[in-house]
Amino acid sequence: MSSTASAAVRSVRRIAALADPAALQRARLTVVPRPGRVAAPRLPFIALITAILLAGVIGLLMFNTSMQQAAFVEARLHTQADNLAARQQGLQSDLQRLDDPQAIAAKAQAHGMVIPVGPAVLSVPSGKIEGTPTPATADSTPQLWAHHPKPTAVVPARKPVVGPSEAHAHQKAHQKAGQNADKKSPKKAPAKAAQH
């Protein structure tokens, strides 16, 4: 670093020795014109900042809208999943009810199938029949469950349905009857008090 500084000092001394001292003095004191300040146009900068802000706001609005749509889709899918789970549970209970051996036997009897009383077994290796085969009949088939008479439902008597005008007239009749009873009861009350 010092070698470059000393080389610069030497070159300045050499130039100073060669040059006229008055010219050298003038060169040192000459006012250098101030570089003109180049004013950048403000309109493109403002337009750029506005475009960036506008793009950010639009992006946030689009993101918010897509999140709301996703929330609606999620709620709809949750409802659909709940409905499908309820349907699956209903179908599972139907399947269990249909797989019940008593239900299968009842359907078989409804189609005319009967339970064999004395089954015969065929031994495949020997080809012999073990047991006596007897034909099954509907009379020989045991009942799967006892038949009980169905209870009859007793329907309580209902009050007749009346319109508003009929109900109002009925209510007035009750009020008049109550007023007539009140007028008669004060006369009877002292007689009861006298008896006690």
N, C-alpha and C. Protein backbone atom coordinates (compact mmCIF):
# COMPACT_ATOMS: atom_id res chain seq x y z
N MET A 1 0.81 -1.17 0.00
CA MET A 1 0.00 0.00 0.00
C MET A 1 0.87 1.25 0.00
N SER A 2 1.96 1.22 0.77
CA SER A 2 2.86 2.38 0.84
C SER A 2 3.61 2.59 -0.47
N SER A 3 3.88 1.55 -1.20
CA SER A 3 4.59 1.69 -2.47
C SER A 3 3.71 2.41 -3.49
N THR A 4 2.40 2.16 -3.47
CA THR A 4 1.50 2.86 -4.39
C THR A 4 1.38 4.33 -4.01
N ALA A 5 1.33 4.61 -2.71
CA ALA A 5 1.23 6.01 -2.27
C ALA A 5 2.50 6.77 -2.62
N SER A 6 3.64 6.15 -2.42
CA SER A 6 4.89 6.84 -2.73
C SER A 6 5.05 7.03 -4.23
N ALA A 7 4.55 6.08 -5.03
CA ALA A 7 4.62 6.22 -6.49
C ALA A 7 3.74 7.36 -6.94
N ALA A 8 2.58 7.54 -6.31
CA ALA A 8 1.69 8.63 -6.67
C ALA A 8 2.30 9.97 -6.31
N VAL A 9 2.96 10.03 -5.15
CA VAL A 9 3.60 11.29 -4.72
C VAL A 9 4.73 11.64 -5.67
N ARG A 10 5.49 10.67 -6.10
CA ARG A 10 6.60 10.91 -7.02
C ARG A 10 6.09 11.42 -8.36
N SER A 11 4.99 10.82 -8.83
CA SER A 11 4.47 11.25 -10.13
C SER A 11 3.91 12.66 -10.04
N VAL A 12 3.33 13.05 -8.91
CA VAL A 12 2.81 14.41 -8.75
C VAL A 12 3.97 15.39 -8.71
N ARG A 13 5.07 15.08 -8.05
CA ARG A 13 6.24 15.96 -7.97
C ARG A 13 6.87 16.13 -9.35
N ARG A 14 6.88 15.05 -10.10
CA ARG A 14 7.46 15.13 -11.43
C ARG A 14 6.62 16.03 -12.32
N ILE A 15 5.30 15.88 -12.21
CA ILE A 15 4.42 16.72 -13.02
C ILE A 15 4.55 18.17 -12.58
N ALA A 16 4.65 18.39 -11.28
CA ALA A 16 4.77 19.75 -10.76
C ALA A 16 6.07 20.39 -11.22
N ALA A 17 7.13 19.62 -11.30
CA ALA A 17 8.40 20.16 -11.73
C ALA A 17 8.36 20.50 -13.20
N LEU A 18 7.68 19.74 -13.99
CA LEU A 18 7.61 19.98 -15.41
C LEU A 18 6.64 21.11 -15.74
N ALA A 19 5.62 21.22 -14.99
CA ALA A 19 4.58 22.18 -15.32
C ALA A 19 4.90 23.55 -14.75
N ASP A 20 4.18 24.47 -15.24
CA ASP A 20 4.30 25.84 -14.76
C ASP A 20 3.65 25.91 -13.39
N PRO A 21 4.32 26.51 -12.41
CA PRO A 21 3.73 26.55 -11.08
C PRO A 21 2.43 27.34 -11.06
N ALA A 22 2.28 28.34 -11.87
CA ALA A 22 1.04 29.12 -11.88
C ALA A 22 -0.10 28.26 -12.44
N ALA A 23 0.19 27.46 -13.46
CA ALA A 23 -0.85 26.61 -14.03
C ALA A 23 -1.24 25.52 -13.04
N LEU A 24 -0.25 25.07 -12.31
CA LEU A 24 -0.52 24.05 -11.31
C LEU A 24 -1.41 24.62 -10.21
N GLN A 25 -1.13 25.88 -9.81
CA GLN A 25 -1.93 26.54 -8.78
C GLN A 25 -3.37 26.73 -9.27
N ARG A 26 -3.52 27.11 -10.53
CA ARG A 26 -4.85 27.31 -11.08
C ARG A 26 -5.62 26.00 -11.15
N ALA A 27 -4.94 24.94 -11.49
CA ALA A 27 -5.59 23.65 -11.60
C ALA A 27 -6.07 23.18 -10.23
N ARG A 28 -5.31 23.54 -9.21
CA ARG A 28 -5.73 23.12 -7.88
C ARG A 28 -6.93 23.93 -7.40
N LEU A 29 -7.04 25.18 -7.75
CA LEU A 29 -8.08 26.05 -7.23
C LEU A 29 -9.30 26.13 -8.13
N THR A 30 -9.32 25.46 -9.18
CA THR A 30 -10.44 25.52 -10.10
C THR A 30 -11.67 24.88 -9.45
N VAL A 31 -12.79 25.56 -9.57
CA VAL A 31 -14.04 25.05 -9.01
C VAL A 31 -14.59 24.03 -9.98
N VAL A 32 -14.83 22.90 -9.45
CA VAL A 32 -15.40 21.82 -10.25
C VAL A 32 -16.92 22.00 -10.23
N PRO A 33 -17.54 22.01 -11.36
CA PRO A 33 -18.98 22.20 -11.36
C PRO A 33 -19.68 21.03 -10.65
N ARG A 34 -20.67 21.42 -9.89
CA ARG A 34 -21.43 20.40 -9.14
C ARG A 34 -22.18 19.53 -10.15
N PRO A 35 -22.07 18.25 -9.98
CA PRO A 35 -22.78 17.40 -10.93
C PRO A 35 -24.28 17.62 -10.77
N GLY A 36 -24.93 17.78 -11.86
CA GLY A 36 -26.38 18.03 -11.82
C GLY A 36 -27.12 16.84 -11.23
N ARG A 37 -28.01 17.18 -10.35
CA ARG A 37 -28.77 16.11 -9.71
C ARG A 37 -29.84 15.63 -10.69
N VAL A 38 -29.72 14.40 -11.05
CA VAL A 38 -30.67 13.84 -12.00
C VAL A 38 -31.88 13.36 -11.20
N ALA A 39 -32.98 14.02 -11.37
CA ALA A 39 -34.20 13.65 -10.63
C ALA A 39 -34.89 12.51 -11.36
N ALA A 40 -35.02 11.44 -10.63
CA ALA A 40 -35.72 10.28 -11.19
C ALA A 40 -37.20 10.61 -11.27
N PRO A 41 -37.86 10.21 -12.31
CA PRO A 41 -39.29 10.49 -12.40
C PRO A 41 -40.05 9.75 -11.29
N ARG A 42 -40.94 10.45 -10.63
CA ARG A 42 -41.66 9.86 -9.49
C ARG A 42 -42.84 8.99 -9.93
N LEU A 43 -43.42 9.27 -11.02
CA LEU A 43 -44.62 8.55 -11.44
C LEU A 43 -44.39 7.04 -11.59
N PRO A 44 -43.32 6.58 -12.23
CA PRO A 44 -43.12 5.12 -12.32
C PRO A 44 -42.91 4.47 -10.95
N PHE A 45 -42.22 5.16 -10.05
CA PHE A 45 -41.99 4.60 -8.72
C PHE A 45 -43.31 4.46 -7.96
N ILE A 46 -44.15 5.49 -8.01
CA ILE A 46 -45.45 5.44 -7.34
C ILE A 46 -46.32 4.36 -7.97
N ALA A 47 -46.27 4.25 -9.28
CA ALA A 47 -47.05 3.22 -9.97
C ALA A 47 -46.58 1.82 -9.56
N LEU A 48 -45.27 1.65 -9.41
CA LEU A 48 -44.73 0.35 -9.00
C LEU A 48 -45.18 -0.01 -7.59
N ILE A 49 -45.08 0.93 -6.66
CA ILE A 49 -45.48 0.67 -5.27
C ILE A 49 -46.98 0.39 -5.21
N THR A 50 -47.77 1.17 -5.94
CA THR A 50 -49.23 0.95 -5.96
C THR A 50 -49.56 -0.43 -6.54
N ALA A 51 -48.87 -0.82 -7.58
CA ALA A 51 -49.12 -2.14 -8.19
C ALA A 51 -48.77 -3.26 -7.21
N ILE A 52 -47.68 -3.10 -6.47
CA ILE A 52 -47.28 -4.13 -5.50
C ILE A 52 -48.33 -4.23 -4.40
N LEU A 53 -48.76 -3.08 -3.86
CA LEU A 53 -49.77 -3.10 -2.81
C LEU A 53 -51.09 -3.67 -3.31
N LEU A 54 -51.48 -3.29 -4.51
CA LEU A 54 -52.73 -3.78 -5.08
C LEU A 54 -52.67 -5.29 -5.31
N ALA A 55 -51.54 -5.78 -5.80
CA ALA A 55 -51.37 -7.23 -6.01
C ALA A 55 -51.43 -7.97 -4.67
N GLY A 56 -50.84 -7.38 -3.62
CA GLY A 56 -50.89 -8.01 -2.30
C GLY A 56 -52.31 -8.09 -1.75
N VAL A 57 -53.07 -7.00 -1.89
CA VAL A 57 -54.45 -7.00 -1.40
C VAL A 57 -55.31 -7.98 -2.19
N ILE A 58 -55.16 -8.00 -3.49
CA ILE A 58 -55.92 -8.94 -4.32
C ILE A 58 -55.54 -10.37 -3.98
N GLY A 59 -54.25 -10.60 -3.77
CA GLY A 59 -53.81 -11.95 -3.39
C GLY A 59 -54.41 -12.38 -2.06
N LEU A 60 -54.46 -11.48 -1.08
CA LEU A 60 -55.05 -11.82 0.21
C LEU A 60 -56.55 -12.09 0.08
N LEU A 61 -57.23 -11.29 -0.73
CA LEU A 61 -58.66 -11.52 -0.94
C LEU A 61 -58.92 -12.87 -1.60
N MET A 62 -58.11 -13.21 -2.59
CA MET A 62 -58.28 -14.50 -3.27
C MET A 62 -57.99 -15.65 -2.31
N PHE A 63 -56.96 -15.49 -1.48
CA PHE A 63 -56.62 -16.53 -0.51
C PHE A 63 -57.76 -16.70 0.50
N ASN A 64 -58.31 -15.58 0.98
CA ASN A 64 -59.41 -15.64 1.94
C ASN A 64 -60.63 -16.29 1.30
N THR A 65 -60.94 -15.95 0.06
CA THR A 65 -62.08 -16.54 -0.63
C THR A 65 -61.89 -18.05 -0.80
N SER A 66 -60.69 -18.45 -1.18
CA SER A 66 -60.45 -19.90 -1.36
C SER A 66 -60.54 -20.64 -0.03
N MET A 67 -60.10 -19.99 1.06
CA MET A 67 -60.21 -20.64 2.36
C MET A 67 -61.68 -20.78 2.78
N GLN A 68 -62.50 -19.77 2.48
CA GLN A 68 -63.92 -19.85 2.80
C GLN A 68 -64.59 -20.96 1.99
N GLN A 69 -64.24 -21.05 0.72
CA GLN A 69 -64.81 -22.12 -0.11
C GLN A 69 -64.39 -23.48 0.40
N ALA A 70 -63.13 -23.60 0.83
CA ALA A 70 -62.66 -24.87 1.38
C ALA A 70 -63.41 -25.20 2.66
N ALA A 71 -63.73 -24.19 3.47
CA ALA A 71 -64.48 -24.43 4.71
C ALA A 71 -65.89 -24.92 4.39
N PHE A 72 -66.52 -24.33 3.36
CA PHE A 72 -67.86 -24.78 2.97
C PHE A 72 -67.81 -26.22 2.46
N VAL A 73 -66.82 -26.52 1.66
CA VAL A 73 -66.68 -27.89 1.13
C VAL A 73 -66.44 -28.86 2.28
N GLU A 74 -65.62 -28.44 3.25
CA GLU A 74 -65.34 -29.31 4.39
C GLU A 74 -66.61 -29.57 5.20
N ALA A 75 -67.41 -28.53 5.43
CA ALA A 75 -68.66 -28.70 6.19
C ALA A 75 -69.61 -29.63 5.43
N ARG A 76 -69.69 -29.46 4.10
CA ARG A 76 -70.57 -30.32 3.30
C ARG A 76 -70.09 -31.77 3.34
N LEU A 77 -68.78 -31.96 3.27
CA LEU A 77 -68.25 -33.32 3.31
C LEU A 77 -68.43 -33.96 4.69
N HIS A 78 -68.32 -33.14 5.76
CA HIS A 78 -68.58 -33.69 7.10
C HIS A 78 -70.03 -34.13 7.23
N THR A 79 -70.95 -33.32 6.71
CA THR A 79 -72.36 -33.69 6.75
C THR A 79 -72.61 -34.96 5.94
N GLN A 80 -71.99 -35.03 4.77
CA GLN A 80 -72.14 -36.22 3.93
C GLN A 80 -71.55 -37.45 4.63
N ALA A 81 -70.41 -37.29 5.29
CA ALA A 81 -69.79 -38.41 6.01
C ALA A 81 -70.67 -38.86 7.17
N ASP A 82 -71.29 -37.90 7.89
CA ASP A 82 -72.19 -38.27 8.98
C ASP A 82 -73.40 -39.02 8.45
N ASN A 83 -73.96 -38.54 7.33
CA ASN A 83 -75.11 -39.22 6.73
C ASN A 83 -74.74 -40.63 6.28
N LEU A 84 -73.56 -40.76 5.67
CA LEU A 84 -73.14 -42.08 5.21
C LEU A 84 -72.85 -43.01 6.39
N ALA A 85 -72.31 -42.46 7.48
CA ALA A 85 -72.06 -43.29 8.66
C ALA A 85 -73.37 -43.78 9.26
N ALA A 86 -74.38 -42.88 9.29
CA ALA A 86 -75.69 -43.29 9.81
C ALA A 86 -76.32 -44.34 8.89
N ARG A 87 -76.16 -44.15 7.58
CA ARG A 87 -76.71 -45.14 6.63
C ARG A 87 -76.00 -46.48 6.79
N GLN A 88 -74.66 -46.43 6.96
CA GLN A 88 -73.91 -47.67 7.14
C GLN A 88 -74.36 -48.39 8.41
N GLN A 89 -74.60 -47.62 9.48
CA GLN A 89 -75.04 -48.24 10.72
C GLN A 89 -76.42 -48.87 10.55
N GLY A 90 -77.31 -48.17 9.82
CA GLY A 90 -78.63 -48.73 9.56
C GLY A 90 -78.55 -50.01 8.73
N LEU A 91 -77.69 -49.98 7.69
CA LEU A 91 -77.53 -51.18 6.86
C LEU A 91 -76.90 -52.32 7.65
N GLN A 92 -75.98 -51.97 8.56
CA GLN A 92 -75.35 -53.01 9.39
C GLN A 92 -76.38 -53.67 10.30
N SER A 93 -77.27 -52.85 10.88
CA SER A 93 -78.31 -53.44 11.74
C SER A 93 -79.29 -54.27 10.91
N ASP A 94 -79.60 -53.81 9.68
CA ASP A 94 -80.46 -54.61 8.79
C ASP A 94 -79.80 -55.94 8.46
N LEU A 95 -78.50 -55.90 8.20
CA LEU A 95 -77.78 -57.13 7.88
C LEU A 95 -77.77 -58.08 9.07
N GLN A 96 -77.57 -57.56 10.27
CA GLN A 96 -77.60 -58.42 11.45
C GLN A 96 -78.98 -59.02 11.65
N ARG A 97 -80.02 -58.20 11.40
CA ARG A 97 -81.39 -58.71 11.54
C ARG A 97 -81.66 -59.80 10.50
N LEU A 98 -81.18 -59.62 9.26
CA LEU A 98 -81.41 -60.61 8.22
C LEU A 98 -80.54 -61.85 8.40
N ASP A 99 -79.38 -61.70 9.06
CA ASP A 99 -78.51 -62.86 9.31
C ASP A 99 -78.95 -63.68 10.52
N ASP A 100 -79.94 -63.23 11.23
CA ASP A 100 -80.42 -63.94 12.41
C ASP A 100 -80.97 -65.31 11.98
N PRO A 101 -80.53 -66.38 12.63
CA PRO A 101 -81.01 -67.71 12.23
C PRO A 101 -82.52 -67.87 12.30
N GLN A 102 -83.17 -67.22 13.26
CA GLN A 102 -84.62 -67.33 13.35
C GLN A 102 -85.28 -66.64 12.16
N ALA A 103 -84.72 -65.50 11.72
CA ALA A 103 -85.29 -64.82 10.56
C ALA A 103 -85.12 -65.67 9.31
N ILE A 104 -83.96 -66.31 9.18
CA ILE A 104 -83.71 -67.17 8.01
C ILE A 104 -84.67 -68.37 8.02
N ALA A 105 -84.87 -68.97 9.21
CA ALA A 105 -85.78 -70.12 9.30
C ALA A 105 -87.22 -69.70 9.01
N ALA A 106 -87.62 -68.51 9.46
CA ALA A 106 -88.98 -68.04 9.21
C ALA A 106 -89.19 -67.81 7.71
N LYS A 107 -88.20 -67.25 7.04
CA LYS A 107 -88.32 -67.04 5.60
C LYS A 107 -88.35 -68.38 4.86
N ALA A 108 -87.55 -69.33 5.34
CA ALA A 108 -87.55 -70.65 4.71
C ALA A 108 -88.92 -71.31 4.86
N GLN A 109 -89.52 -71.21 6.05
CA GLN A 109 -90.86 -71.78 6.24
C GLN A 109 -91.88 -71.06 5.39
N ALA A 110 -91.73 -69.76 5.22
CA ALA A 110 -92.68 -69.01 4.38
C ALA A 110 -92.60 -69.45 2.93
N HIS A 111 -91.43 -69.93 2.50
CA HIS A 111 -91.27 -70.42 1.12
C HIS A 111 -91.60 -71.90 0.99
N GLY A 112 -92.06 -72.52 2.07
CA GLY A 112 -92.48 -73.92 1.99
C GLY A 112 -91.41 -74.92 2.37
N MET A 113 -90.28 -74.47 2.86
CA MET A 113 -89.24 -75.41 3.27
C MET A 113 -89.58 -75.96 4.66
N VAL A 114 -89.20 -77.20 4.91
CA VAL A 114 -89.51 -77.84 6.19
C VAL A 114 -88.23 -78.42 6.78
N ILE A 115 -88.26 -78.63 8.10
CA ILE A 115 -87.11 -79.20 8.79
C ILE A 115 -87.25 -80.72 8.77
N PRO A 116 -86.22 -81.44 8.34
CA PRO A 116 -86.34 -82.90 8.30
C PRO A 116 -86.36 -83.47 9.72
N VAL A 117 -87.19 -84.49 9.91
CA VAL A 117 -87.32 -85.08 11.24
C VAL A 117 -86.20 -86.08 11.49
N GLY A 118 -86.01 -87.01 10.59
CA GLY A 118 -84.97 -88.02 10.75
C GLY A 118 -84.04 -87.98 9.56
N PRO A 119 -82.99 -87.22 9.60
CA PRO A 119 -82.12 -87.15 8.42
C PRO A 119 -81.31 -88.42 8.25
N ALA A 120 -81.02 -88.74 7.03
CA ALA A 120 -80.14 -89.86 6.71
C ALA A 120 -78.81 -89.29 6.26
N VAL A 121 -77.72 -89.99 6.60
CA VAL A 121 -76.39 -89.52 6.28
C VAL A 121 -75.76 -90.50 5.29
N LEU A 122 -75.19 -89.97 4.23
CA LEU A 122 -74.54 -90.79 3.21
C LEU A 122 -73.05 -90.78 3.48
N SER A 123 -72.48 -91.95 3.69
CA SER A 123 -71.05 -92.07 3.90
C SER A 123 -70.40 -92.23 2.53
N VAL A 124 -69.60 -91.26 2.13
CA VAL A 124 -69.04 -91.25 0.78
C VAL A 124 -68.03 -92.36 0.55
N PRO A 125 -67.08 -92.59 1.45
CA PRO A 125 -66.10 -93.65 1.14
C PRO A 125 -66.74 -95.04 0.99
N SER A 126 -67.71 -95.34 1.86
CA SER A 126 -68.28 -96.68 1.78
C SER A 126 -69.52 -96.72 0.87
N GLY A 127 -70.18 -95.59 0.68
CA GLY A 127 -71.37 -95.54 -0.15
C GLY A 127 -72.61 -96.03 0.56
N LYS A 128 -72.55 -96.19 1.89
CA LYS A 128 -73.69 -96.68 2.65
C LYS A 128 -74.49 -95.50 3.20
N ILE A 129 -75.77 -95.72 3.37
CA ILE A 129 -76.66 -94.72 3.96
C ILE A 129 -76.86 -95.09 5.42
N GLU A 130 -76.57 -94.14 6.28
CA GLU A 130 -76.75 -94.39 7.71
C GLU A 130 -78.02 -93.68 8.15
N GLY A 131 -78.88 -94.35 8.84
CA GLY A 131 -80.16 -93.80 9.28
C GLY A 131 -81.23 -94.11 8.26
N THR A 132 -82.47 -93.89 8.67
CA THR A 132 -83.58 -94.13 7.76
C THR A 132 -84.11 -92.80 7.25
N PRO A 133 -84.06 -92.61 5.98
CA PRO A 133 -84.58 -91.36 5.45
C PRO A 133 -86.10 -91.36 5.49
N THR A 134 -86.66 -90.32 6.05
CA THR A 134 -88.11 -90.17 6.08
C THR A 134 -88.45 -88.83 5.45
N PRO A 135 -89.50 -88.77 4.69
CA PRO A 135 -89.85 -87.48 4.07
C PRO A 135 -90.34 -86.49 5.12
N ALA A 136 -89.95 -85.26 4.94
CA ALA A 136 -90.36 -84.20 5.86
C ALA A 136 -91.66 -83.60 5.37
N THR A 137 -92.55 -83.36 6.31
CA THR A 137 -93.83 -82.73 5.98
C THR A 137 -94.00 -81.47 6.82
N ALA A 138 -94.96 -80.65 6.44
CA ALA A 138 -95.20 -79.41 7.19
C ALA A 138 -95.74 -79.73 8.58
N ASP A 139 -96.45 -80.88 8.72
CA ASP A 139 -96.99 -81.24 10.03
C ASP A 139 -95.90 -81.70 10.97
N SER A 140 -94.85 -82.32 10.43
CA SER A 140 -93.78 -82.83 11.30
C SER A 140 -92.75 -81.76 11.65
N THR A 141 -92.85 -80.60 11.02
CA THR A 141 -91.89 -79.53 11.31
C THR A 141 -92.29 -78.84 12.61
N PRO A 142 -91.35 -78.74 13.55
CA PRO A 142 -91.69 -78.06 14.82
C PRO A 142 -91.82 -76.55 14.61
N GLN A 143 -92.65 -75.94 15.45
CA GLN A 143 -92.80 -74.49 15.39
C GLN A 143 -91.52 -73.83 15.91
N LEU A 144 -91.11 -72.81 15.22
CA LEU A 144 -89.88 -72.13 15.63
C LEU A 144 -90.11 -71.28 16.87
N TRP A 145 -91.26 -70.71 16.99
CA TRP A 145 -91.64 -69.93 18.18
C TRP A 145 -93.14 -70.00 18.33
N ALA A 146 -93.57 -69.82 19.54
CA ALA A 146 -95.00 -69.94 19.82
C ALA A 146 -95.74 -68.74 19.25
N HIS A 147 -96.95 -69.00 18.76
CA HIS A 147 -97.77 -67.92 18.23
C HIS A 147 -98.61 -67.35 19.36
N HIS A 148 -98.45 -66.07 19.61
CA HIS A 148 -99.22 -65.39 20.62
C HIS A 148 -100.17 -64.43 19.91
N PRO A 149 -101.38 -64.31 20.41
CA PRO A 149 -102.28 -63.36 19.75
C PRO A 149 -101.75 -61.93 19.95
N LYS A 150 -101.90 -61.14 18.90
CA LYS A 150 -101.42 -59.77 18.97
C LYS A 150 -102.37 -58.95 19.83
N PRO A 151 -101.82 -58.15 20.73
CA PRO A 151 -102.71 -57.32 21.55
C PRO A 151 -103.35 -56.24 20.69
N THR A 152 -104.60 -55.97 21.03
CA THR A 152 -105.29 -54.92 20.29
C THR A 152 -105.03 -53.60 20.99
N ALA A 153 -104.83 -52.60 20.23
CA ALA A 153 -104.55 -51.29 20.79
C ALA A 153 -105.85 -50.61 21.16
N VAL A 154 -105.87 -50.00 22.33
CA VAL A 154 -107.04 -49.26 22.77
C VAL A 154 -106.74 -47.78 22.52
N VAL A 155 -107.58 -47.18 21.69
CA VAL A 155 -107.40 -45.78 21.35
C VAL A 155 -108.27 -44.95 22.28
N PRO A 156 -107.67 -44.03 23.04
CA PRO A 156 -108.49 -43.21 23.94
C PRO A 156 -109.37 -42.27 23.13
N ALA A 157 -110.51 -41.97 23.70
CA ALA A 157 -111.45 -41.08 23.01
C ALA A 157 -110.87 -39.67 23.00
N ARG A 158 -110.99 -39.03 21.89
CA ARG A 158 -110.47 -37.67 21.76
C ARG A 158 -111.60 -36.68 21.82
N LYS A 159 -111.25 -35.48 22.26
CA LYS A 159 -112.23 -34.41 22.25
C LYS A 159 -112.43 -33.99 20.80
N PRO A 160 -113.64 -33.63 20.44
CA PRO A 160 -113.85 -33.20 19.05
C PRO A 160 -113.14 -31.88 18.80
N VAL A 161 -112.63 -31.75 17.62
CA VAL A 161 -111.93 -30.54 17.23
C VAL A 161 -112.98 -29.50 16.88
N VAL A 162 -112.88 -28.32 17.51
CA VAL A 162 -113.83 -27.26 17.25
C VAL A 162 -113.09 -26.06 16.70
N GLY A 163 -113.82 -25.25 15.94
CA GLY A 163 -113.23 -24.05 15.37
C GLY A 163 -113.10 -22.96 16.43
N PRO A 164 -112.47 -21.84 16.10
CA PRO A 164 -112.25 -20.78 17.08
C PRO A 164 -113.55 -20.15 17.55
N SER A 165 -114.51 -20.00 16.66
CA SER A 165 -115.77 -19.37 17.07
C SER A 165 -116.53 -20.30 18.02
N GLU A 166 -116.51 -21.60 17.76
CA GLU A 166 -117.19 -22.54 18.64
C GLU A 166 -116.49 -22.61 19.99
N ALA A 167 -115.16 -22.54 19.99
CA ALA A 167 -114.42 -22.58 21.25
C ALA A 167 -114.71 -21.33 22.07
N HIS A 168 -114.82 -20.19 21.42
CA HIS A 168 -115.12 -18.94 22.13
C HIS A 168 -116.51 -18.99 22.74
N ALA A 169 -117.48 -19.50 21.97
CA ALA A 169 -118.85 -19.62 22.48
C ALA A 169 -118.90 -20.60 23.64
N HIS A 170 -118.13 -21.70 23.55
CA HIS A 170 -118.09 -22.70 24.61
C HIS A 170 -117.48 -22.11 25.87
N GLN A 171 -116.45 -21.28 25.71
CA GLN A 171 -115.79 -20.65 26.85
C GLN A 171 -116.74 -19.66 27.53
N LYS A 172 -117.50 -18.88 26.75
CA LYS A 172 -118.47 -17.94 27.33
C LYS A 172 -119.55 -18.69 28.10
N ALA A 173 -119.98 -19.81 27.58
CA ALA A 173 -121.01 -20.60 28.27
C ALA A 173 -120.49 -21.08 29.61
N HIS A 174 -119.22 -21.51 29.67
CA HIS A 174 -118.63 -21.94 30.94
C HIS A 174 -118.52 -20.77 31.91
N GLN A 175 -118.17 -19.59 31.39
CA GLN A 175 -118.06 -18.42 32.27
C GLN A 175 -119.42 -18.06 32.84
N LYS A 176 -120.46 -18.08 32.03
CA LYS A 176 -121.81 -17.77 32.53
C LYS A 176 -122.26 -18.79 33.56
N ALA A 177 -121.96 -20.05 33.30
CA ALA A 177 -122.34 -21.08 34.26
C ALA A 177 -121.60 -20.87 35.57
N GLY A 178 -120.33 -20.46 35.49
CA GLY A 178 -119.55 -20.20 36.70
C GLY A 178 -120.09 -18.99 37.45
N GLN A 179 -120.52 -17.97 36.74
CA GLN A 179 -121.07 -16.78 37.39
C GLN A 179 -122.41 -17.11 38.06
N ASN A 180 -123.21 -17.91 37.41
CA ASN A 180 -124.49 -18.31 38.00
C ASN A 180 -124.25 -19.14 39.25
N ALA A 181 -123.24 -19.98 39.24
CA ALA A 181 -122.93 -20.79 40.41
C ALA A 181 -122.44 -19.90 41.54
N ASP A 182 -121.66 -18.84 41.21
CA ASP A 182 -121.16 -17.92 42.23
C ASP A 182 -122.31 -17.14 42.87
N LYS A 183 -123.29 -16.78 42.08
CA LYS A 183 -124.44 -16.04 42.62
C LYS A 183 -125.27 -16.91 43.56
N LYS A 184 -125.35 -18.19 43.27
CA LYS A 184 -126.15 -19.09 44.10
C LYS A 184 -125.38 -19.50 45.35
N SER A 185 -124.06 -19.62 45.26
CA SER A 185 -123.28 -20.11 46.39
C SER A 185 -123.25 -19.16 47.59
N PRO A 186 -123.29 -17.80 47.48
CA PRO A 186 -123.29 -16.98 48.69
C PRO A 186 -124.55 -17.17 49.53
N LYS A 187 -125.65 -17.49 48.91
CA LYS A 187 -126.87 -17.71 49.67
C LYS A 187 -126.77 -19.00 50.46
N LYS A 188 -126.11 -19.99 49.90
CA LYS A 188 -126.00 -21.28 50.58
C LYS A 188 -124.91 -21.24 51.66
N ALA A 189 -123.93 -20.43 51.48
CA ALA A 189 -122.80 -20.39 52.41
C ALA A 189 -123.24 -19.98 53.82
N PRO A 190 -124.08 -18.95 54.04
CA PRO A 190 -124.45 -18.63 55.41
C PRO A 190 -125.27 -19.76 56.04
N ALA A 191 -126.04 -20.45 55.25
CA ALA A 191 -126.85 -21.55 55.81
C ALA A 191 -125.93 -22.66 56.29
N LYS A 192 -124.86 -22.91 55.55
CA LYS A 192 -123.90 -23.93 55.98
C LYS A 192 -123.18 -23.47 57.23
N ALA A 193 -122.85 -22.19 57.29
CA ALA A 193 -122.15 -21.67 58.46
C ALA A 193 -123.05 -21.75 59.70
N ALA A 194 -124.33 -21.55 59.51
CA ALA A 194 -125.26 -21.61 60.64
C ALA A 194 -125.42 -23.03 61.13
N GLN A 195 -125.33 -23.99 60.23
CA GLN A 195 -125.48 -25.39 60.63
C GLN A 195 -124.29 -25.85 61.45
N HIS A 196 -123.09 -25.30 61.14
CA HIS A 196 -121.89 -25.74 61.87
C HIS A 196 -121.89 -25.09 63.18
